C-alpha atoms as a PDB file:
ATOM      1  CA  MET A   1      -5.419  15.740  12.449  1.00  0.00           C
ATOM      2  CA  LYS A   2      -6.392  15.124   8.830  1.00  0.00           C
ATOM      3  CA  LEU A   3      -4.013  13.376   6.480  1.00  0.00           C
ATOM      4  CA  VAL A   4      -3.947  11.695   3.093  1.00  0.00           C
ATOM      5  CA  LEU A   5      -2.300   8.325   2.647  1.00  0.00           C
ATOM      6  CA  ASP A   6      -1.107   7.812  -0.911  1.00  0.00           C
ATOM      7  CA  SER A   7      -2.173   4.601  -2.594  1.00  0.00           C
ATOM      8  CA  ASN A   8       1.368   3.185  -2.402  1.00  0.00           C
ATOM      9  CA  VAL A   9       1.275   3.414   1.404  1.00  0.00           C
ATOM     10  CA  ILE A  10      -2.141   1.750   1.601  1.00  0.00           C
ATOM     11  CA  ILE A  11      -1.112  -1.002  -0.810  1.00  0.00           C
ATOM     12  CA  ALA A  12       2.046  -1.672   1.222  1.00  0.00           C
ATOM     13  CA  ALA A  13      -0.063  -1.772   4.395  1.00  0.00           C
ATOM     14  CA  PHE A  14      -2.151  -4.631   3.001  1.00  0.00           C
ATOM     15  CA  ALA A  15       0.640  -6.401   1.106  1.00  0.00           C
ATOM     16  CA  THR A  16       3.194  -6.721   3.927  1.00  0.00           C
ATOM     17  CA  ARG A  17       3.480  -6.521   7.694  1.00  0.00           C
ATOM     18  CA  GLY A  18       5.824  -3.662   8.467  1.00  0.00           C
ATOM     19  CA  LEU A  19       6.095   0.082   8.784  1.00  0.00           C
ATOM     20  CA  CYS A  20       3.231   0.929   6.402  1.00  0.00           C
ATOM     21  CA  SER A  21       0.919  -1.568   8.064  1.00  0.00           C
ATOM     22  CA  SER A  22       1.637  -0.164  11.533  1.00  0.00           C
ATOM     23  CA  LEU A  23       1.391   3.392  10.243  1.00  0.00           C
ATOM     24  CA  PHE A  24      -1.926   2.683   8.530  1.00  0.00           C
ATOM     25  CA  GLU A  25      -3.423   1.219  11.712  1.00  0.00           C
ATOM     26  CA  TYR A  26      -2.121   4.117  13.805  1.00  0.00           C
ATOM     27  CA  CYS A  27      -3.511   6.728  11.392  1.00  0.00           C
ATOM     28  CA  LEU A  28      -6.964   5.125  11.376  1.00  0.00           C
ATOM     29  CA  GLU A  29      -7.022   4.932  15.179  1.00  0.00           C
ATOM     30  CA  SER A  30      -5.621   8.379  15.949  1.00  0.00           C
ATOM     31  CA  HIS A  31      -6.318  10.658  12.988  1.00  0.00           C
ATOM     32  CA  GLU A  32      -8.752  11.334  10.175  1.00  0.00           C
ATOM     33  CA  VAL A  33      -7.599   9.669   6.965  1.00  0.00           C
ATOM     34  CA  VAL A  34      -8.989  11.461   3.918  1.00  0.00           C
ATOM     35  CA  LEU A  35      -9.287   9.544   0.629  1.00  0.00           C
ATOM     36  CA  SER A  36     -10.921  10.059  -2.746  1.00  0.00           C
ATOM     37  CA  GLU A  37     -12.241   7.878  -5.537  1.00  0.00           C
ATOM     38  CA  PRO A  38      -9.000   8.064  -7.595  1.00  0.00           C
ATOM     39  CA  ILE A  39      -6.990   6.809  -4.607  1.00  0.00           C
ATOM     40  CA  ILE A  40      -9.439   3.948  -3.944  1.00  0.00           C
ATOM     41  CA  LEU A  41      -9.397   2.968  -7.636  1.00  0.00           C
ATOM     42  CA  GLU A  42      -5.601   2.885  -7.740  1.00  0.00           C
ATOM     43  CA  VAL A  43      -5.434   0.850  -4.523  1.00  0.00           C
ATOM     44  CA  THR A  44      -7.955  -1.748  -5.694  1.00  0.00           C
ATOM     45  CA  ARG A  45      -6.441  -2.021  -9.184  1.00  0.00           C
ATOM     46  CA  ASN A  46      -2.936  -2.590  -7.806  1.00  0.00           C
ATOM     47  CA  LEU A  47      -4.066  -5.024  -5.109  1.00  0.00           C
ATOM     48  CA  ARG A  48      -5.705  -7.097  -7.862  1.00  0.00           C
ATOM     49  CA  GLU A  49      -3.147  -6.760 -10.658  1.00  0.00           C
ATOM     50  CA  LYS A  50       0.213  -6.376  -8.917  1.00  0.00           C
ATOM     51  CA  ILE A  51      -0.283  -7.981  -5.498  1.00  0.00           C
ATOM     52  CA  LYS A  52      -2.660 -10.610  -6.952  1.00  0.00           C
ATOM     53  CA  LEU A  53      -5.073 -10.600  -4.019  1.00  0.00           C
ATOM     54  CA  PRO A  54      -8.310 -12.524  -4.542  1.00  0.00           C
ATOM     55  CA  ARG A  55     -11.240 -10.480  -5.840  1.00  0.00           C
ATOM     56  CA  ASN A  56     -13.285 -10.943  -2.638  1.00  0.00           C
ATOM     57  CA  THR A  57     -10.374  -9.768  -0.485  1.00  0.00           C
ATOM     58  CA  VAL A  58      -9.995  -6.631  -2.612  1.00  0.00           C
ATOM     59  CA  ILE A  59     -13.743  -5.958  -2.335  1.00  0.00           C
ATOM     60  CA  GLN A  60     -13.509  -6.278   1.468  1.00  0.00           C
ATOM     61  CA  ILE A  61     -10.519  -3.918   1.607  1.00  0.00           C
ATOM     62  CA  GLU A  62     -12.315  -1.380  -0.578  1.00  0.00           C
ATOM     63  CA  SER A  63     -15.392  -1.528   1.629  1.00  0.00           C
ATOM     64  CA  TYR A  64     -13.251  -1.148   4.737  1.00  0.00           C
ATOM     65  CA  LEU A  65     -11.431   1.897   3.320  1.00  0.00           C
ATOM     66  CA  ARG A  66     -14.703   3.573   2.356  1.00  0.00           C
ATOM     67  CA  SER A  67     -16.151   3.059   5.838  1.00  0.00           C
ATOM     68  CA  ALA A  68     -13.026   3.800   7.911  1.00  0.00           C
ATOM     69  CA  CYS A  69     -11.839   6.870   5.988  1.00  0.00           C
ATOM     70  CA  THR A  70     -13.412  10.184   5.027  1.00  0.00           C
ATOM     71  CA  MET A  71     -14.237  10.118   1.319  1.00  0.00           C
ATOM     72  CA  ILE A  72     -14.160  13.419  -0.586  1.00  0.00           C
ATOM     73  CA  ALA A  73     -13.926  14.677  -4.152  1.00  0.00           C
ATOM     74  CA  PRO A  74     -10.444  15.992  -4.983  1.00  0.00           C
ATOM     75  CA  ALA A  75     -10.064  19.698  -5.710  1.00  0.00           C
ATOM     76  CA  LYS A  76      -8.641  20.840  -9.016  1.00  0.00           C
ATOM     77  CA  VAL A  77      -4.864  21.232  -9.011  1.00  0.00           C
ATOM     78  CA  ASP A  78      -2.762  23.057 -11.590  1.00  0.00           C
ATOM     79  CA  SER A  79      -0.994  20.403 -13.666  1.00  0.00           C
ATOM     80  CA  SER A  80       2.291  22.330 -13.491  1.00  0.00           C
ATOM     81  CA  ILE A  81       2.549  21.663  -9.724  1.00  0.00           C
ATOM     82  CA  CYS A  82       4.163  18.235 -10.051  1.00  0.00           C
ATOM     83  CA  ARG A  83       6.092  16.132 -12.563  1.00  0.00           C
ATOM     84  CA  ASP A  84       3.598  13.258 -12.676  1.00  0.00           C
ATOM     85  CA  ARG A  85       0.013  14.123 -13.614  1.00  0.00           C
ATOM     86  CA  SER A  86      -1.207  10.926 -11.930  1.00  0.00           C
ATOM     87  CA  ASP A  87      -0.259  12.541  -8.589  1.00  0.00           C
ATOM     88  CA  LEU A  88      -2.671  15.453  -9.064  1.00  0.00           C
ATOM     89  CA  PRO A  89      -5.602  13.594  -7.401  1.00  0.00           C
ATOM     90  CA  ILE A  90      -3.448  13.040  -4.293  1.00  0.00           C
ATOM     91  CA  LEU A  91      -2.690  16.756  -4.055  1.00  0.00           C
ATOM     92  CA  GLY A  92      -6.324  17.584  -4.852  1.00  0.00           C
ATOM     93  CA  THR A  93      -7.564  15.237  -2.134  1.00  0.00           C
ATOM     94  CA  ALA A  94      -5.254  16.827   0.423  1.00  0.00           C
ATOM     95  CA  LYS A  95      -6.335  20.309  -0.669  1.00  0.00           C
ATOM     96  CA  ALA A  96     -10.068  19.548  -0.573  1.00  0.00           C
ATOM     97  CA  GLY A  97      -9.745  17.636   2.692  1.00  0.00           C
ATOM     98  CA  LYS A  98      -7.711  20.375   4.372  1.00  0.00           C
ATOM     99  CA  ALA A  99      -5.084  17.785   5.280  1.00  0.00           C
ATOM    100  CA  LYS A 100      -2.017  18.608   7.337  1.00  0.00           C
ATOM    101  CA  TYR A 101       0.053  15.805   5.782  1.00  0.00           C
ATOM    102  CA  ILE A 102       0.362  13.677   2.683  1.00  0.00           C
ATOM    103  CA  VAL A 103       2.168  10.406   3.426  1.00  0.00           C
ATOM    104  CA  SER A 104       3.644   8.896   0.280  1.00  0.00           C
ATOM    105  CA  GLY A 105       6.519   6.854  -1.047  1.00  0.00           C
ATOM    106  CA  ASP A 106       6.248   8.561  -4.452  1.00  0.00           C
ATOM    107  CA  LYS A 107       9.432  10.464  -5.296  1.00  0.00           C
ATOM    108  CA  ASP A 108       7.547  12.855  -7.599  1.00  0.00           C
ATOM    109  CA  LEU A 109       5.435  13.960  -4.626  1.00  0.00           C
ATOM    110  CA  LEU A 110       8.197  13.810  -2.021  1.00  0.00           C
ATOM    111  CA  ILE A 111      10.373  16.200  -4.029  1.00  0.00           C
ATOM    112  CA  LEU A 112       7.724  18.905  -3.460  1.00  0.00           C
ATOM    113  CA  LYS A 113       8.111  18.677   0.362  1.00  0.00           C
ATOM    114  CA  LYS A 114       5.050  20.958   0.774  1.00  0.00           C
ATOM    115  CA  TYR A 115       1.943  21.907  -1.160  1.00  0.00           C
ATOM    116  CA  LEU A 116      -0.262  24.784   0.063  1.00  0.00           C
ATOM    117  CA  GLY A 117       1.215  24.326   3.539  1.00  0.00           C
ATOM    118  CA  ILE A 118       0.542  20.559   3.500  1.00  0.00           C
ATOM    119  CA  ALA A 119       3.681  18.638   4.465  1.00  0.00           C
ATOM    120  CA  ILE A 120       4.555  15.764   2.130  1.00  0.00           C
ATOM    121  CA  MET A 121       6.533  13.042   3.898  1.00  0.00           C
ATOM    122  CA  ASP A 122       7.562   9.455   3.355  1.00  0.00           C
ATOM    123  CA  PRO A 123       6.153   6.921   5.839  1.00  0.00           C
ATOM    124  CA  ARG A 124       9.316   6.742   7.977  1.00  0.00           C
ATOM    125  CA  ALA A 125       9.664  10.537   8.275  1.00  0.00           C
ATOM    126  CA  PHE A 126       5.964  10.870   9.134  1.00  0.00           C
ATOM    127  CA  TRP A 127       6.256   8.115  11.757  1.00  0.00           C
ATOM    128  CA  GLN A 128       9.246   9.898  13.329  1.00  0.00           C
ATOM    129  CA  ALA A 129       7.438  13.260  13.281  1.00  0.00           C
ATOM    130  CA  VAL A 130       4.367  11.771  14.958  1.00  0.00           C
ATOM    131  CA  LYS A 131       6.466   9.996  17.589  1.00  0.00           C
ATOM    132  CA  SER A 132       8.304  13.215  18.451  1.00  0.00           C
ATOM    133  CA  GLU A 133       4.980  15.125  18.666  1.00  0.00           C
ATOM    134  CA  LYS A 134       3.665  12.502  21.107  1.00  0.00           C
ATOM    135  CA  THR A 135       6.720  12.798  23.343  1.00  0.00           C
ATOM    136  CA  THR A 136       6.585  16.609  23.418  1.00  0.00           C
ATOM    137  CA  SER A 137       2.846  16.712  24.150  1.00  0.00           C
END
């Protein structure tokens, strides 16, 4: 299954050991994670500026993301779709990558619930959905 992890989920995965970290590892092992340049740029900027990770660590994380995930160019998305224009690349990445899910902690995205049939879920809801799929399979 293809899915897009929003930058906030990826940042949380590298900043703390918890749900997002476990979810990130699971998604890389079991699914195809689709990312784009805008997502990578936001992740690296926030890891440097907000989390204060050393430059070399951020470079290693960026390299890892580029090699472990499928990189694509985001599709164009009508700016009226969501409240925050900075979320358009996330929606465009999911659209271009034919993702089934967007996993995000961003309330402006979560309020949409779906975009072009792509489910938008917070990390906990996605984790629960995946667990229930595994038990019914």
